[in-house]
């Protein structure tokens, strides 16, 4: 009888130890997974005009389930040129995994027309490599520089002697819908610009 009791006690003790070991191993794995965060920036579009504001909303979520995460309180958002220069940088305050901010796309702030990258990260993200850094491509357009004026400028710069360029008697009309796009059967405000051959 004492043998049976000691055998049952050893068996129960063995299962209890096995349960404790599996619990601690699972808790350690879960803890490391829970601490990885991922950033997402929501912008209204990917093409902007010079002089506009690029507004963004930031989401800081857990990497494994995309639920808002309150790990970091400061988000770094950068506007990077095509030759990898950081043109503008914002520090955005995160509260309960959410934040927002903007960039003013002005020539006085060294922003020129062209393709840029929007990059966002926290200091905690740097521990996990480039895969958890948010990146988005955007384009900035100068609304006053049309294709015809670019062609005339390139023709003038390529010829060293002052030759007269034949001007065609044409009229170029550009339409710019408010908000960046036109929708069928939706009333919209549209701006237009007409340029003749003399500019």
Protein backbone atom coordinates (compact mmCIF):
# COMPACT_ATOMS: atom_id res chain seq x y z
CA UNK A 1 0.00 0.00 0.00
CA UNK A 2 2.85 2.38 0.81
CA UNK A 3 4.45 1.33 -2.47
CA UNK A 4 1.28 2.20 -4.39
CA UNK A 5 1.04 5.55 -2.63
CA UNK A 6 4.67 6.44 -3.36
CA UNK A 7 4.28 5.33 -6.99
CA UNK A 8 1.15 7.51 -7.42
CA UNK A 9 2.90 10.44 -5.72
CA UNK A 10 5.91 10.12 -8.05
CA UNK A 11 3.65 9.94 -11.10
CA UNK A 12 1.63 13.00 -10.03
CA UNK A 13 4.80 14.89 -9.12
CA UNK A 14 6.32 14.04 -12.53
CA UNK A 15 3.23 15.35 -14.39
CA UNK A 16 3.19 18.46 -12.22
CA UNK A 17 6.85 19.17 -13.06
CA UNK A 18 6.17 18.56 -16.75
CA UNK A 19 3.26 21.03 -16.59
CA UNK A 20 5.40 23.69 -14.86
CA UNK A 21 8.23 23.34 -17.37
CA UNK A 22 5.90 23.63 -20.37
CA UNK A 23 4.19 26.65 -18.77
CA UNK A 24 7.47 28.54 -18.23
CA UNK A 25 8.75 27.72 -21.71
CA UNK A 26 5.49 28.93 -23.25
CA UNK A 27 5.53 32.11 -21.13
CA UNK A 28 9.07 32.96 -22.27
CA UNK A 29 8.23 32.44 -25.95
CA UNK A 30 5.01 34.45 -25.68
CA UNK A 31 6.79 37.31 -23.92
CA UNK A 32 9.33 37.71 -26.72
CA UNK A 33 6.59 37.61 -29.38
CA UNK A 34 4.40 40.11 -27.54
CA UNK A 35 7.12 42.76 -27.42
CA UNK A 36 7.64 43.06 -31.20
CA UNK A 37 5.84 46.10 -32.65
CA UNK A 38 5.00 47.12 -36.19
CA UNK A 39 4.30 50.62 -37.54
CA UNK A 40 1.83 51.64 -40.25
CA UNK A 41 1.27 55.17 -41.62
CA UNK A 42 -2.03 56.02 -43.27
CA UNK A 43 -1.88 58.84 -45.85
CA UNK A 44 -4.74 60.08 -48.01
CA UNK A 45 -2.85 59.51 -51.28
CA UNK A 46 0.61 58.88 -52.71
CA UNK A 47 0.92 61.97 -54.98
CA UNK A 48 1.08 65.52 -53.63
CA UNK A 49 1.54 69.01 -55.08
CA UNK A 50 4.17 71.47 -53.92
CA UNK A 51 2.80 73.67 -51.14
CA UNK A 52 0.37 71.05 -49.81
CA UNK A 53 0.52 69.39 -46.43
CA UNK A 54 1.16 65.65 -46.26
CA UNK A 55 -1.00 64.51 -43.33
CA UNK A 56 -0.52 61.07 -41.81
CA UNK A 57 -2.02 58.93 -39.08
CA UNK A 58 0.27 56.45 -37.33
CA UNK A 59 -0.65 53.04 -35.95
CA UNK A 60 1.66 51.12 -33.61
CA UNK A 61 0.50 47.49 -33.43
CA UNK A 62 1.73 44.14 -32.15
CA UNK A 63 3.48 42.31 -34.96
CA UNK A 64 1.77 38.97 -34.47
CA UNK A 65 -1.89 40.05 -34.23
CA UNK A 66 -2.11 43.71 -35.45
CA UNK A 67 -3.75 44.95 -32.23
CA UNK A 68 -2.81 48.47 -31.05
CA UNK A 69 0.30 48.40 -28.85
CA UNK A 70 1.33 50.91 -26.18
CA UNK A 71 5.04 50.00 -26.10
CA UNK A 72 6.59 53.20 -27.53
CA UNK A 73 5.61 56.83 -27.00
CA UNK A 74 7.69 58.53 -29.74
CA UNK A 75 7.57 57.73 -33.46
CA UNK A 76 10.16 59.09 -35.88
CA UNK A 77 8.78 59.90 -39.35
CA UNK A 78 11.17 60.94 -42.13
CA UNK A 79 10.80 62.24 -45.67
CA UNK A 80 13.75 60.88 -47.67
CA UNK A 81 14.81 62.04 -51.14
CA UNK A 82 15.69 59.70 -54.01
CA UNK A 83 19.42 60.07 -53.22
CA UNK A 84 18.82 58.93 -49.58
CA UNK A 85 19.03 62.37 -47.94
CA UNK A 86 16.68 63.00 -45.01
CA UNK A 87 14.82 66.15 -46.06
CA UNK A 88 12.36 66.42 -43.14
CA UNK A 89 11.98 64.55 -39.82
CA UNK A 90 9.09 64.63 -37.33
CA UNK A 91 8.82 63.29 -33.81
CA UNK A 92 5.24 62.11 -33.41
CA UNK A 93 3.75 61.43 -29.99
CA UNK A 94 2.05 58.03 -29.71
CA UNK A 95 -0.78 57.54 -27.22
CA UNK A 96 -2.26 54.06 -26.86
CA UNK A 97 -0.68 53.09 -30.21
CA UNK A 98 -2.06 56.06 -32.21
CA UNK A 99 -0.52 59.32 -33.39
CA UNK A 100 -0.72 61.85 -36.22
CA UNK A 101 1.33 64.58 -37.86
CA UNK A 102 2.13 66.34 -41.11
CA UNK A 103 4.88 67.58 -43.41
CA UNK A 104 4.66 70.93 -45.20
CA UNK A 105 5.84 70.32 -48.75
CA UNK A 106 7.36 73.73 -49.43
CA UNK A 107 10.37 74.79 -51.47
CA UNK A 108 11.64 76.85 -48.52
CA UNK A 109 12.02 73.59 -46.55
CA UNK A 110 14.26 72.06 -49.29
CA UNK A 111 11.40 69.99 -50.74
CA UNK A 112 11.64 69.77 -54.54
CA UNK A 113 9.41 67.97 -57.05
CA UNK A 114 10.31 64.30 -57.40
CA UNK A 115 9.98 60.86 -55.82
CA UNK A 116 10.42 60.46 -52.06
CA UNK A 117 10.20 57.76 -49.42
CA UNK A 118 8.18 58.12 -46.25
CA UNK A 119 9.86 56.13 -43.44
CA UNK A 120 8.59 55.58 -39.88
CA UNK A 121 10.07 53.74 -36.91
CA UNK A 122 10.43 53.78 -33.14
CA UNK A 123 13.62 53.25 -31.16
CA UNK A 124 12.25 49.83 -30.14
CA UNK A 125 11.87 48.87 -33.84
CA UNK A 126 15.61 49.25 -34.34
CA UNK A 127 16.13 46.08 -32.25
CA UNK A 128 14.37 43.93 -34.85
CA UNK A 129 15.95 45.06 -38.13
CA UNK A 130 14.69 46.76 -41.27
CA UNK A 131 11.69 44.46 -41.70
CA UNK A 132 9.71 46.33 -39.03
CA UNK A 133 10.46 49.84 -40.36
CA UNK A 134 7.53 51.29 -42.34
CA UNK A 135 8.33 52.58 -45.86
CA UNK A 136 6.06 54.13 -48.47
CA UNK A 137 6.89 55.74 -51.83
CA UNK A 138 5.32 59.14 -52.59
CA UNK A 139 5.65 61.64 -55.43
CA UNK A 140 5.65 65.43 -55.20
CA UNK A 141 4.62 67.40 -58.29
CA UNK A 142 5.05 71.08 -59.12
CA UNK A 143 1.66 72.11 -60.50
CA UNK A 144 3.10 75.17 -62.26
CA UNK A 145 5.76 73.25 -64.19
CA UNK A 146 4.03 71.64 -67.16
CA UNK A 147 5.50 69.21 -69.68
CA UNK A 148 5.75 71.91 -72.36
CA UNK A 149 7.72 74.26 -70.10
CA UNK A 150 10.10 71.40 -69.21
CA UNK A 151 10.69 70.74 -72.91
CA UNK A 152 11.38 74.43 -73.62
CA UNK A 153 13.80 74.66 -70.67
CA UNK A 154 15.67 71.53 -71.76
CA UNK A 155 15.88 72.81 -75.36
CA UNK A 156 17.23 76.16 -74.18
CA UNK A 157 19.82 74.60 -71.90
CA UNK A 158 21.05 72.11 -74.53
CA UNK A 159 21.78 74.77 -77.16
CA UNK A 160 24.67 77.08 -76.39
CA UNK A 161 23.97 79.63 -79.12
CA UNK A 162 20.89 81.80 -78.95
CA UNK A 163 18.71 80.38 -81.69
CA UNK A 164 15.08 81.23 -82.13
CA UNK A 165 12.81 78.36 -81.19
CA UNK A 166 9.76 77.96 -83.34
CA UNK A 167 6.67 78.29 -81.26
CA UNK A 168 3.58 76.46 -82.29
CA UNK A 169 0.29 78.19 -81.96
CA UNK A 170 -1.16 75.63 -79.52
CA UNK A 171 -2.97 75.86 -76.24
CA UNK A 172 -2.36 73.34 -73.44
CA UNK A 173 -5.09 72.94 -70.83
CA UNK A 174 -4.55 71.03 -67.55
CA UNK A 175 -7.35 70.09 -65.13
CA UNK A 176 -6.75 69.65 -61.40
CA UNK A 177 -9.63 68.09 -59.42
CA UNK A 178 -9.86 68.98 -55.74
CA UNK A 179 -8.66 66.05 -53.65
CA UNK A 180 -6.60 64.59 -56.47
CA UNK A 181 -9.18 62.48 -58.32
CA UNK A 182 -12.48 62.74 -60.17
CA UNK A 183 -15.38 60.39 -59.45
CA UNK A 184 -18.22 59.73 -61.84
CA UNK A 185 -21.59 61.21 -60.78
CA UNK A 186 -20.00 63.09 -57.83
CA UNK A 187 -19.93 66.90 -57.78
CA UNK A 188 -16.34 68.15 -57.53
CA UNK A 189 -14.42 71.42 -57.65
CA UNK A 190 -12.01 71.51 -60.58
CA UNK A 191 -9.28 74.03 -61.25
CA UNK A 192 -7.88 74.46 -64.76
CA UNK A 193 -4.75 76.04 -66.18
CA UNK A 194 -4.40 77.08 -69.83
CA UNK A 195 -0.94 77.83 -71.28
CA UNK A 196 -0.37 79.09 -74.82
CA UNK A 197 2.87 78.86 -76.81
CA UNK A 198 4.28 82.05 -75.27
CA UNK A 199 3.79 80.77 -71.71
